[in-house]
Protein backbone atom coordinates (compact mmCIF):
# COMPACT_ATOMS: atom_id res chain seq x y z
CA MET A 1 -8.15 13.65 79.41
CA ALA A 2 -6.38 16.82 80.54
CA GLY A 3 -4.13 14.76 82.82
CA LYS A 4 -3.07 12.50 79.99
CA GLN A 5 -2.34 15.48 77.78
CA GLY A 6 -0.21 16.93 80.58
CA GLU A 7 1.73 13.69 80.79
CA ARG A 8 2.31 13.67 77.02
CA THR A 9 3.55 17.25 77.00
CA ARG A 10 5.75 16.93 80.10
CA ARG A 11 9.31 17.48 78.95
CA ARG A 12 12.12 15.34 80.23
CA LEU A 13 15.01 17.30 81.68
CA SER A 14 18.20 17.41 79.71
CA THR A 15 21.42 16.18 81.30
CA GLU A 16 22.48 19.73 82.16
CA GLU A 17 19.04 20.68 83.50
CA ARG A 18 18.93 17.59 85.71
CA ARG A 19 22.42 18.30 87.02
CA GLU A 20 21.42 21.89 87.79
CA GLN A 21 18.31 20.68 89.60
CA LEU A 22 20.37 18.33 91.77
CA LEU A 23 22.90 21.04 92.58
CA SER A 24 20.11 23.44 93.57
CA VAL A 25 18.71 20.86 95.98
CA GLY A 26 22.18 20.23 97.34
CA ALA A 27 22.86 23.92 97.87
CA ARG A 28 19.71 24.21 99.97
CA LEU A 29 20.39 21.12 102.06
CA PHE A 30 24.05 21.86 102.67
CA SER A 31 23.16 25.41 103.70
CA GLU A 32 20.71 24.12 106.30
CA SER A 33 22.75 21.27 107.76
CA PRO A 34 26.38 20.29 108.35
CA TYR A 35 28.05 18.19 105.66
CA ASP A 36 27.79 14.93 107.66
CA ASP A 37 24.05 15.40 108.25
CA VAL A 38 23.08 15.57 104.56
CA TRP A 39 22.22 12.22 103.00
CA ILE A 40 22.35 11.48 99.29
CA GLU A 41 19.03 9.62 99.63
CA GLN A 42 17.46 12.85 100.86
CA VAL A 43 18.74 14.75 97.82
CA ALA A 44 17.38 12.08 95.47
CA GLU A 45 13.98 12.04 97.19
CA ILE A 46 13.53 15.83 97.02
CA ALA A 47 14.64 15.91 93.38
CA GLY A 48 12.31 13.03 92.52
CA VAL A 49 15.04 10.80 91.09
CA SER A 50 16.54 7.46 92.05
CA ARG A 51 19.66 7.27 94.14
CA GLY A 52 21.32 5.44 91.24
CA LEU A 53 20.65 8.35 88.89
CA LEU A 54 22.17 10.81 91.34
CA TYR A 55 25.26 8.64 91.64
CA HIS A 56 25.42 8.58 87.85
CA TYR A 57 25.96 12.35 87.93
CA PHE A 58 28.05 12.44 91.13
CA PRO A 59 29.88 9.21 92.06
CA THR A 60 30.32 10.17 95.74
CA LYS A 61 28.88 12.59 98.26
CA ARG A 62 32.23 14.38 98.25
CA ASP A 63 31.97 14.86 94.48
CA PHE A 64 28.45 16.20 94.89
CA PHE A 65 29.35 18.73 97.57
CA ALA A 66 32.44 19.83 95.63
CA ALA A 67 30.23 20.43 92.58
CA VAL A 68 27.84 22.55 94.69
CA VAL A 69 30.80 24.64 95.90
CA GLU A 70 32.17 25.06 92.37
CA ARG A 71 28.75 26.08 91.05
CA GLU A 72 28.35 28.82 93.62
CA SER A 73 31.93 29.97 93.12
CA GLY A 74 31.40 30.30 89.38
CA ARG A 75 28.28 32.38 89.92
CA MET A 76 30.01 34.73 92.30
CA LEU A 77 33.07 35.17 90.06
CA ALA A 78 30.93 36.01 87.04
CA MET A 79 28.82 38.41 89.06
CA THR A 80 31.76 40.29 90.57
CA ALA A 81 33.91 40.50 87.43
CA ALA A 82 35.39 43.97 86.92
CA VAL A 83 34.30 46.14 84.01
CA PRO A 84 37.42 47.03 81.98
CA GLY A 85 38.19 50.73 81.85
CA VAL A 86 35.88 51.73 84.72
CA PRO A 87 37.66 52.87 87.91
CA VAL A 88 37.35 50.49 90.86
CA ARG A 89 35.98 53.23 93.11
CA GLU A 90 33.13 53.85 90.66
CA GLN A 91 32.34 50.14 90.39
CA LEU A 92 32.44 49.39 94.09
CA THR A 93 28.94 50.48 95.12
CA ALA A 94 27.21 48.96 92.09
CA GLY A 95 29.27 45.79 92.38
CA LEU A 96 28.41 45.33 96.04
CA ASP A 97 24.74 46.03 95.33
CA THR A 98 24.74 43.24 92.76
CA TYR A 99 26.66 40.94 95.07
CA LEU A 100 24.31 41.49 98.01
CA GLU A 101 21.28 40.99 95.80
CA TYR A 102 22.77 37.63 94.81
CA VAL A 103 23.55 36.71 98.43
CA HIS A 104 19.97 37.45 99.44
CA ALA A 105 18.38 35.68 96.46
CA HIS A 106 20.68 32.64 96.74
CA ALA A 107 21.10 32.50 100.49
CA HIS A 108 21.12 28.69 100.57
CA GLY A 109 23.89 28.44 98.00
CA PHE A 110 25.91 31.18 99.67
CA ARG A 111 25.74 29.41 103.01
CA ALA A 112 26.60 26.10 101.39
CA PHE A 113 29.63 27.64 99.71
CA HIS A 114 30.99 28.94 102.99
CA ARG A 115 30.20 25.75 104.90
CA ALA A 116 32.80 24.00 102.76
CA ASP A 117 35.72 25.14 104.88
CA ALA A 118 34.23 23.37 107.89
CA ALA A 119 33.81 20.09 106.01
CA GLY A 120 36.15 17.41 107.26
CA ASP A 121 36.97 16.20 103.75
CA GLN A 122 40.27 17.68 102.61
CA ALA A 123 39.36 17.38 98.92
CA VAL A 124 36.23 19.47 99.47
CA ARG A 125 38.20 22.07 101.42
CA ARG A 126 40.69 22.32 98.54
CA VAL A 127 37.83 23.13 96.15
CA TYR A 128 36.65 25.84 98.52
CA HIS A 129 40.10 27.40 98.91
CA ARG A 130 40.66 27.34 95.14
CA ALA A 131 37.41 29.27 94.77
CA LEU A 132 38.48 31.89 97.33
CA ALA A 133 41.87 32.20 95.64
CA ALA A 134 40.12 32.87 92.34
CA GLN A 135 38.09 35.67 93.94
CA GLU A 136 41.27 37.12 95.43
CA ARG A 137 43.08 37.07 92.07
CA GLN A 138 40.11 38.73 90.39
CA ILE A 139 40.13 41.63 92.87
CA LEU A 140 43.91 42.05 92.74
CA ALA A 141 43.84 42.10 88.93
CA ALA A 142 41.16 44.81 88.97
CA LEU A 143 43.21 46.89 91.42
CA ALA A 144 46.40 46.46 89.39
CA ALA A 145 44.62 47.75 86.27
CA ASP A 146 43.02 50.70 88.07
CA PRO A 147 44.45 54.23 87.57
CA GLU A 148 44.01 55.14 91.24
CA PHE A 149 45.15 51.93 92.91
CA GLY A 150 47.39 50.38 90.28
CA ALA A 151 50.62 52.01 91.44
CA GLN A 152 50.25 50.99 95.08
CA ALA A 153 49.20 47.49 94.01
CA LYS A 154 52.74 47.06 92.70
CA GLU A 155 54.41 48.66 95.71
CA ARG A 156 52.48 47.14 98.63
CA PRO A 157 53.56 43.65 99.67
CA ASP A 158 50.68 43.52 102.12
CA LEU A 159 47.95 44.13 99.54
CA GLN A 160 47.22 40.47 98.89
CA LEU A 161 46.79 39.82 102.60
CA ALA A 162 44.61 42.93 102.90
CA VAL A 163 42.30 41.73 100.12
CA ARG A 164 42.15 38.28 101.68
CA GLY A 165 41.16 39.84 104.99
CA TRP A 166 38.52 41.97 103.30
CA LEU A 167 36.98 38.88 101.67
CA ALA A 168 36.79 37.21 105.09
CA PHE A 169 35.24 40.36 106.58
CA THR A 170 32.65 40.64 103.81
CA THR A 171 31.76 36.97 104.15
CA ALA A 172 31.26 37.31 107.91
CA VAL A 173 29.11 40.44 107.47
CA CYS A 174 26.93 38.76 104.83
CA LEU A 175 26.42 35.61 106.91
CA GLU A 176 25.36 37.71 109.92
CA TRP A 177 23.06 39.74 107.69
CA LEU A 178 21.41 36.53 106.48
CA ARG A 179 20.98 35.41 110.10
CA GLY A 180 18.87 38.50 110.69
CA ALA A 181 21.25 41.32 111.56
CA ASP A 182 19.27 44.56 111.86
CA LEU A 183 20.86 46.28 108.86
CA SER A 184 19.44 47.22 105.49
CA ARG A 185 21.12 46.07 102.30
CA GLU A 186 22.36 49.63 101.75
CA GLN A 187 23.94 49.71 105.22
CA VAL A 188 25.68 46.40 104.61
CA ARG A 189 26.90 47.63 101.24
CA ASP A 190 28.29 50.84 102.68
CA LEU A 191 29.98 48.97 105.52
CA CYS A 192 31.74 46.62 103.10
CA ALA A 193 32.69 49.46 100.76
CA ARG A 194 34.23 51.50 103.59
CA ALA A 195 36.16 48.44 104.74
CA LEU A 196 37.73 47.89 101.31
CA LEU A 197 38.61 51.53 100.82
CA GLY A 198 40.06 51.51 104.31
CA VAL A 199 42.49 48.68 103.60
CA LEU A 200 43.46 50.31 100.30
CA ARG A 201 44.27 53.62 101.95
CA PRO A 202 48.08 54.05 102.09
């Protein structure tokens, strides 16, 4: 009797909820294995859906992986958005704390996002590089609006390259941290903060 009641009250997932479920499974699998080693059938089996339903949401494996990358990119952009009117230096520690908390809590998705550049598919790599470019623009816009760094942002032709290098540095540090580097979250945060302030120093 209780089982039948459970079946009656089980709610079907909405289109958006199902899509989110599939992307979560994909983020985990792509973080654990190279792109070519992940099979759509495996995703469908773990999610408890038919392969046909998965293809209804994502026509090809490339489309599926690109959607995983875009999902993680959107999360990171929203999380690292600058607070208008608050100096960058004051936001840096809190922003990195939030970022590292996300990296730790969503380690699979973070790894999947950064595996995209190694994928052989050029369309997937373009999605990845668009995501990194969006992060870069977000940081540069925050620096340009900042009272301390705004002036040099206009005068330094190397600032864009410096920010790009810092993003690569931070990514490498976070991936090593997730692999088990013997550093606390606070030590990783301080390392990344010092690196950014270092490249901003005239």
